Amino acid sequence: MCGSKTTLGVKAPRSMGERIRRILAERGALDRKKRIRSDDYHIYIPVLESINPDALKGIAGAEIVQMEFEEDRRKVTVEEILGRKPSFETIGDIAVVEDEEPEVVADAIMAVHRGIRAVLAPVSDVEGEFRLRRYRYVAGEMRTLTVHREHGIRYMVDLERAYFSPRLGTERLRVAEQVRPGDTVVDMFAGVGPFSLLMAKRGARVIAIDKNPYAVKLLVENARMNRLDVEVREGDAAALTEDLADQADHVVMNLPHSASIFLPEAIRTAKSGGVVHYYTFAPEDDLYRDVRIIEEKARELGCEASLLYRGIVRSYAPRIYNVVIDFMVKKDVRQCTQITEPGSR
């Protein structure tokens, strides 16, 4: 094996690998410069050459071996430590773990990812008017505030006080790449600004709206921190778009639980030829059912909705998906119905 030699190690069943790795680390015996190996049944953990093999004999489930361990090839992964693939995501320097054994997963994450400073586990689904989740502390620092970096922009995020999902990063870039310098963008449910700031970076005039006061506070700070110009409005999206009729080249509707309620305002806000980026949740057997709702609402307003794109953004729940529908608004501004009674969020 290139770049390696036979050295001391410990062999253990995969189910016991993380426990034994922690014991070796606590005893100062783990060789972190070498790569942990594994096969279908066992994990092989490298031990420092300075360690006396007799010091390892009292570890239950561990078998002392001599074998080759690769050096400086890559970092050991969380999956290799645990012997399985856990469910977690990172937001800034916080890891959010959705697993039956969050403490075990947290230990593995913090051993592998040196930049992680806190590990949390959700104790609720996304809920309430502001789409928030509640968390419990698992490991590291006790906080929910972090700075997340995405596509060259920094975002201050507080996981318990303002909604943010890193899983939408690719989708945000897809939409932003359609924006041209000088375009007007209305982000109806902006949160801390991940759509808004990325579009502002591309030279668009961005009007960012959100009803959550704390999200708005972070949005303002994020715009300042990244030196980007965004017009921020706090309050109900229906009311705060009343003065924007026929102005937007792009309207972003990232409120998948209830975006359909705001379709009249979005259609009114888009100029003729403007594009609405509409997000919703839908069952596997009828993913794009909201196309019918969009077309019907446009007809009611004397306009036309022309489908441009539809796609799955991510899996949300068993057989339920977060989907996007992009449509172009075509209208005669003299005929298209004006909205006089805003909905409520």
Protein backbone atom coordinates (compact mmCIF):
# COMPACT_ATOMS: atom_id res chain seq x y z
CA MET A 1 0.00 0.00 0.00
CA CYS A 2 1.62 3.22 -1.25
CA GLY A 3 2.63 5.73 1.44
CA SER A 4 2.02 3.34 4.36
CA LYS A 5 3.73 0.73 6.54
CA THR A 6 2.66 -1.92 9.00
CA THR A 7 1.85 -0.30 12.35
CA LEU A 8 -0.14 -0.93 15.49
CA GLY A 9 -3.92 -0.77 15.32
CA VAL A 10 -7.16 -1.93 16.90
CA LYS A 11 -9.78 -4.08 15.19
CA ALA A 12 -13.39 -3.81 16.37
CA PRO A 13 -16.89 -4.68 15.17
CA ARG A 14 -18.39 -1.77 13.20
CA SER A 15 -21.15 -1.38 15.79
CA MET A 16 -18.52 -0.72 18.47
CA GLY A 17 -16.17 1.40 16.37
CA GLU A 18 -17.17 4.84 17.64
CA ARG A 19 -17.08 3.80 21.30
CA ILE A 20 -13.59 2.32 20.93
CA ARG A 21 -12.34 5.27 18.89
CA ARG A 22 -13.42 7.59 21.71
CA ILE A 23 -11.66 5.44 24.31
CA LEU A 24 -8.44 5.54 22.27
CA ALA A 25 -8.74 9.29 21.85
CA GLU A 26 -9.31 9.78 25.59
CA ARG A 27 -6.20 7.69 26.36
CA GLY A 28 -4.11 9.69 23.89
CA ALA A 29 -3.54 6.58 21.79
CA LEU A 30 -5.39 7.48 18.58
CA ASP A 31 -3.14 8.26 15.61
CA ARG A 32 -5.02 11.09 13.92
CA LYS A 33 -2.51 11.33 11.07
CA LYS A 34 -3.54 7.97 9.68
CA ARG A 35 -6.76 6.93 8.01
CA ILE A 36 -9.23 4.63 9.77
CA ARG A 37 -10.04 1.60 7.64
CA SER A 38 -13.16 -0.53 7.48
CA ASP A 39 -14.75 -3.50 5.74
CA ASP A 40 -18.24 -4.98 5.83
CA TYR A 41 -17.91 -6.17 9.40
CA HIS A 42 -15.03 -4.41 11.17
CA ILE A 43 -13.39 -1.05 11.66
CA TYR A 44 -9.60 -0.74 11.99
CA ILE A 45 -8.33 2.17 14.06
CA PRO A 46 -4.68 3.33 13.89
CA VAL A 47 -2.77 3.68 17.15
CA LEU A 48 0.29 5.84 17.83
CA GLU A 49 3.60 3.96 17.51
CA SER A 50 4.67 5.21 20.94
CA ILE A 51 1.84 3.30 22.64
CA ASN A 52 2.65 0.03 24.43
CA PRO A 53 0.28 -2.69 23.11
CA ASP A 54 -0.28 -3.86 26.69
CA ALA A 55 -2.08 -0.57 27.36
CA LEU A 56 -4.79 -1.59 24.87
CA LYS A 57 -5.63 -5.01 26.27
CA GLY A 58 -8.34 -3.83 28.65
CA ILE A 59 -10.63 -2.36 25.97
CA ALA A 60 -13.68 -4.60 25.60
CA GLY A 61 -14.35 -5.62 22.02
CA ALA A 62 -10.96 -4.45 20.77
CA GLU A 63 -8.43 -6.76 19.13
CA ILE A 64 -4.82 -5.60 18.72
CA VAL A 65 -3.56 -5.93 15.14
CA GLN A 66 -0.57 -5.02 13.00
CA MET A 67 -1.58 -3.69 9.60
CA GLU A 68 -1.04 -0.93 7.06
CA PHE A 69 -2.79 2.41 7.48
CA GLU A 70 -2.68 5.08 4.78
CA GLU A 71 -1.18 8.44 5.69
CA ASP A 72 -2.21 11.90 4.51
CA ARG A 73 -4.74 10.65 1.96
CA ARG A 74 -7.91 12.22 3.34
CA LYS A 75 -9.74 12.83 6.57
CA VAL A 76 -11.74 10.05 8.15
CA THR A 77 -15.45 10.58 7.59
CA VAL A 78 -18.35 10.54 10.03
CA GLU A 79 -19.75 7.56 8.12
CA GLU A 80 -16.55 5.58 8.64
CA ILE A 81 -16.52 6.28 12.37
CA LEU A 82 -20.15 5.27 12.84
CA GLY A 83 -20.30 2.48 10.29
CA ARG A 84 -23.45 4.05 8.82
CA LYS A 85 -24.62 7.28 7.23
CA PRO A 86 -26.27 9.58 9.79
CA SER A 87 -28.66 12.41 8.95
CA PHE A 88 -27.22 15.85 9.65
CA GLU A 89 -26.56 19.18 7.97
CA THR A 90 -24.23 22.04 8.75
CA ILE A 91 -25.21 25.69 8.94
CA GLY A 92 -22.17 27.85 9.58
CA ASP A 93 -20.35 26.28 12.50
CA ILE A 94 -23.47 24.50 13.81
CA ALA A 95 -24.42 20.92 12.94
CA VAL A 96 -28.10 19.97 13.09
CA VAL A 97 -28.55 16.24 13.71
CA GLU A 98 -31.71 14.32 12.93
CA ASP A 99 -30.83 10.84 14.18
CA GLU A 100 -31.95 8.34 16.78
CA GLU A 101 -28.56 8.66 18.52
CA PRO A 102 -27.73 12.38 18.31
CA GLU A 103 -25.08 12.28 21.04
CA VAL A 104 -23.15 9.51 19.27
CA VAL A 105 -23.38 11.32 15.95
CA ALA A 106 -22.34 14.60 17.59
CA ASP A 107 -19.14 13.04 18.93
CA ALA A 108 -18.25 11.77 15.46
CA ILE A 109 -19.04 15.10 13.79
CA MET A 110 -16.89 17.09 16.20
CA ALA A 111 -14.04 14.60 15.84
CA VAL A 112 -14.04 14.96 12.04
CA HIS A 113 -15.20 18.55 11.43
CA ARG A 114 -12.91 20.82 13.40
CA GLY A 115 -14.91 23.88 12.38
CA ILE A 116 -18.11 22.71 14.07
CA ARG A 117 -18.61 24.48 17.41
CA ALA A 118 -22.14 23.41 18.34
CA VAL A 119 -24.41 20.45 17.67
CA LEU A 120 -28.20 20.73 17.95
CA ALA A 121 -31.11 18.34 17.47
CA PRO A 122 -34.57 19.56 16.40
CA VAL A 123 -37.45 18.90 18.78
CA SER A 124 -40.19 20.18 16.47
CA ASP A 125 -41.11 20.44 12.82
CA VAL A 126 -41.12 23.78 11.05
CA GLU A 127 -44.12 25.47 12.62
CA GLY A 128 -45.93 28.74 13.23
CA GLU A 129 -46.34 31.95 11.30
CA PHE A 130 -42.59 32.47 10.95
CA ARG A 131 -41.73 28.85 9.95
CA LEU A 132 -39.45 28.17 12.92
CA ARG A 133 -38.11 25.02 14.62
CA ARG A 134 -37.20 24.39 18.23
CA TYR A 135 -33.91 22.67 19.09
CA ARG A 136 -32.16 21.06 22.03
CA TYR A 137 -28.47 21.32 22.83
CA VAL A 138 -26.42 18.16 22.15
CA ALA A 139 -22.74 19.10 22.19
CA GLY A 140 -20.30 22.00 21.98
CA GLU A 141 -21.38 25.58 22.57
CA MET A 142 -24.94 26.36 23.65
CA ARG A 143 -26.15 28.72 20.92
CA THR A 144 -28.27 28.90 17.78
CA LEU A 145 -26.66 31.98 16.18
CA THR A 146 -24.04 31.42 13.48
CA VAL A 147 -22.61 32.85 10.26
CA HIS A 148 -23.24 30.74 7.18
CA ARG A 149 -21.34 31.17 3.91
CA GLU A 150 -22.98 30.42 0.57
CA HIS A 151 -21.97 31.42 -2.97
CA GLY A 152 -19.55 34.04 -1.67
CA ILE A 153 -22.04 35.71 0.70
CA ARG A 154 -22.10 35.60 4.50
CA TYR A 155 -25.40 35.29 6.36
CA MET A 156 -26.04 35.73 10.06
CA VAL A 157 -28.59 33.05 10.94
CA ASP A 158 -30.37 32.27 14.19
CA LEU A 159 -31.88 28.81 13.75
CA GLU A 160 -34.59 29.29 16.39
CA ARG A 161 -35.63 32.82 15.44
CA ALA A 162 -35.46 33.00 11.61
CA TYR A 163 -36.02 30.28 9.04
CA PHE A 164 -33.03 29.20 6.92
CA SER A 165 -32.26 26.02 4.99
CA PRO A 166 -28.86 25.29 3.41
CA ARG A 167 -30.56 22.64 1.25
CA LEU A 168 -31.88 25.39 -1.02
CA GLY A 169 -28.43 26.70 -1.92
CA THR A 170 -28.38 25.16 -5.40
CA GLU A 171 -31.92 26.34 -6.10
CA ARG A 172 -31.10 29.88 -5.01
CA LEU A 173 -28.20 29.94 -7.45
CA ARG A 174 -30.41 28.61 -10.28
CA VAL A 175 -32.84 31.48 -9.82
CA ALA A 176 -30.14 34.13 -9.33
CA GLU A 177 -28.45 33.16 -12.57
CA GLN A 178 -31.59 34.26 -14.43
CA VAL A 179 -31.32 37.80 -13.07
CA ARG A 180 -29.68 40.53 -15.12
CA PRO A 181 -28.15 43.79 -13.87
CA GLY A 182 -30.89 46.38 -13.53
CA ASP A 183 -33.72 43.87 -13.11
CA THR A 184 -36.27 44.56 -10.38
CA VAL A 185 -36.74 41.63 -7.98
CA VAL A 186 -39.44 41.34 -5.31
CA ASP A 187 -38.65 38.68 -2.69
CA MET A 188 -42.00 38.31 -0.94
CA PHE A 189 -40.81 36.12 1.96
CA ALA A 190 -37.15 37.01 2.22
CA GLY A 191 -36.14 35.68 5.63
CA VAL A 192 -32.50 36.55 6.36
CA GLY A 193 -31.95 37.27 2.66
CA PRO A 194 -30.44 34.23 0.87
CA PHE A 195 -32.37 34.86 -2.37
CA SER A 196 -32.32 38.66 -2.05
CA LEU A 197 -28.62 39.17 -1.43
CA LEU A 198 -27.54 36.76 -4.14
CA MET A 199 -29.68 38.66 -6.65
CA ALA A 200 -28.45 42.03 -5.40
CA LYS A 201 -24.91 40.77 -5.92
CA ARG A 202 -25.78 40.29 -9.58
CA GLY A 203 -26.78 43.94 -9.89
CA ALA A 204 -30.56 43.72 -9.45
CA ARG A 205 -32.75 46.21 -7.64
CA VAL A 206 -34.13 44.04 -4.83
CA ILE A 207 -37.13 44.69 -2.61
CA ALA A 208 -37.05 42.17 0.24
CA ILE A 209 -40.15 41.65 2.40
CA ASP A 210 -40.65 39.62 5.56
CA LYS A 211 -43.07 39.66 8.47
CA ASN A 212 -40.67 38.27 11.09
CA PRO A 213 -39.05 41.28 12.85
CA TYR A 214 -35.99 39.30 13.87
CA ALA A 215 -35.46 37.93 10.35
CA VAL A 216 -35.70 41.50 9.05
CA LYS A 217 -33.09 42.61 11.59
CA LEU A 218 -30.71 39.89 10.40
CA LEU A 219 -31.47 40.71 6.76
CA VAL A 220 -30.52 44.34 7.28
CA GLU A 221 -27.31 43.27 9.04
CA ASN A 222 -26.50 40.75 6.30
CA ALA A 223 -26.91 43.38 3.59
CA ARG A 224 -24.60 45.72 5.52
CA MET A 225 -22.06 42.96 6.21
CA ASN A 226 -21.86 42.06 2.51
CA ARG A 227 -22.01 45.68 1.30
CA LEU A 228 -25.08 45.05 -0.82
CA ASP A 229 -27.95 47.44 -1.45
CA VAL A 230 -31.38 45.93 -0.69
CA GLU A 231 -34.66 47.72 0.05
CA VAL A 232 -36.05 45.96 3.13
CA ARG A 233 -39.73 46.08 4.09
CA GLU A 234 -41.11 44.59 7.31
CA GLY A 235 -44.69 43.38 7.34
CA ASP A 236 -47.33 41.47 5.40
CA ALA A 237 -46.28 40.70 1.82
CA ALA A 238 -49.77 41.32 0.46
CA ALA A 239 -49.95 44.84 1.87
CA LEU A 240 -46.34 45.74 1.11
CA THR A 241 -46.59 44.96 -2.60
CA GLU A 242 -49.57 47.26 -3.23
CA ASP A 243 -47.32 49.99 -4.64
CA LEU A 244 -45.31 47.60 -6.83
CA ALA A 245 -47.87 46.69 -9.50
CA ASP A 246 -46.32 45.77 -12.88
CA GLN A 247 -42.76 46.48 -11.71
CA ALA A 248 -41.02 43.16 -11.07
CA ASP A 249 -38.90 41.23 -13.57
CA HIS A 250 -38.75 38.43 -10.97
CA VAL A 251 -40.98 37.61 -8.00
CA VAL A 252 -39.73 35.03 -5.49
CA MET A 253 -42.41 33.16 -3.49
CA ASN A 254 -40.48 30.92 -1.10
CA LEU A 255 -43.34 30.18 1.30
CA PRO A 256 -44.17 26.59 0.37
CA HIS A 257 -46.78 25.99 3.06
CA SER A 258 -49.06 28.79 1.85
CA ALA A 259 -47.66 30.51 -1.26
CA SER A 260 -50.91 29.95 -3.18
CA ILE A 261 -52.67 32.47 -0.92
CA PHE A 262 -50.42 35.21 -2.28
CA LEU A 263 -50.64 34.37 -5.98
CA PRO A 264 -52.87 37.40 -6.81
CA GLU A 265 -50.32 39.78 -5.30
CA ALA A 266 -47.40 38.05 -7.03
CA ILE A 267 -49.11 38.14 -10.43
CA ARG A 268 -50.06 41.78 -9.97
CA THR A 269 -46.51 42.69 -8.94
CA ALA A 270 -44.88 41.04 -11.97
CA LYS A 271 -44.63 43.13 -15.12
CA SER A 272 -45.85 41.61 -18.38
CA GLY A 273 -43.06 39.19 -19.26
CA GLY A 274 -41.95 38.98 -15.62
CA VAL A 275 -41.22 35.61 -14.03
CA VAL A 276 -42.65 34.27 -10.77
CA HIS A 277 -40.65 31.60 -8.90
CA TYR A 278 -43.28 29.72 -6.92
CA TYR A 279 -42.51 27.10 -4.22
CA THR A 280 -44.85 24.60 -2.65
CA PHE A 281 -45.07 21.13 -1.12
CA ALA A 282 -46.75 18.42 -3.14
CA PRO A 283 -47.36 14.66 -3.01
CA GLU A 284 -45.32 12.31 -5.15
CA ASP A 285 -48.32 11.29 -7.25
CA ASP A 286 -49.26 14.89 -8.19
CA LEU A 287 -46.10 16.97 -7.94
CA TYR A 288 -47.17 19.92 -10.04
CA ARG A 289 -50.83 20.14 -9.12
CA ASP A 290 -50.41 23.87 -8.34
CA VAL A 291 -49.91 24.60 -12.05
CA ARG A 292 -53.70 24.36 -12.31
CA ILE A 293 -54.13 26.82 -9.43
CA ILE A 294 -51.66 29.26 -11.00
CA GLU A 295 -53.36 29.15 -14.40
CA GLU A 296 -56.80 29.57 -12.86
CA LYS A 297 -55.73 32.53 -10.72
CA ALA A 298 -54.11 34.23 -13.70
CA ARG A 299 -57.30 33.84 -15.76
CA GLU A 300 -59.35 35.33 -12.93
CA LEU A 301 -57.11 38.38 -13.07
CA GLY A 302 -57.37 38.71 -16.84
CA CYS A 303 -53.78 37.56 -17.31
CA GLU A 304 -51.99 34.50 -18.64
CA ALA A 305 -49.46 32.27 -16.83
CA SER A 306 -47.00 30.56 -19.16
CA LEU A 307 -45.09 27.63 -17.60
CA LEU A 308 -41.31 27.99 -17.96
CA TYR A 309 -39.85 25.43 -15.59
CA ARG A 310 -40.84 22.93 -12.94
CA GLY A 311 -38.63 20.77 -10.76
CA ILE A 312 -38.09 19.03 -7.45
CA VAL A 313 -36.03 21.10 -5.02
CA ARG A 314 -35.71 18.50 -2.24
CA SER A 315 -37.47 15.71 -0.43
CA TYR A 316 -39.50 17.09 2.46
CA ALA A 317 -41.24 14.08 4.02
CA PRO A 318 -42.07 10.52 2.93
CA ARG A 319 -43.62 10.84 -0.54
CA ILE A 320 -43.83 14.64 -0.14
CA TYR A 321 -41.55 17.00 -2.08
CA ASN A 322 -40.65 20.67 -2.10
CA VAL A 323 -41.15 21.70 -5.74
CA VAL A 324 -40.64 24.88 -7.76
CA ILE A 325 -42.78 26.19 -10.60
CA ASP A 326 -41.47 29.10 -12.67
CA PHE A 327 -44.05 30.86 -14.80
CA MET A 328 -44.10 33.98 -16.94
CA VAL A 329 -46.91 36.48 -16.47
CA LYS A 330 -48.41 37.84 -19.69
CA LYS A 331 -50.91 40.61 -19.34
CA ASP A 332 -52.43 43.71 -20.80
CA VAL A 333 -51.99 46.19 -17.95
CA ARG A 334 -55.21 47.92 -18.99
CA GLN A 335 -57.21 44.72 -18.44
CA CYS A 336 -55.38 42.74 -15.75
CA THR A 337 -57.39 42.99 -12.52
CA GLN A 338 -55.91 45.07 -9.75
CA ILE A 339 -55.92 43.59 -6.26
CA THR A 340 -57.68 45.77 -3.72
CA GLU A 341 -58.05 43.39 -0.78
CA PRO A 342 -54.67 41.99 0.32
CA GLY A 343 -54.56 38.48 1.77
CA SER A 344 -53.03 37.75 5.13
CA ARG A 345 -49.99 35.73 6.04
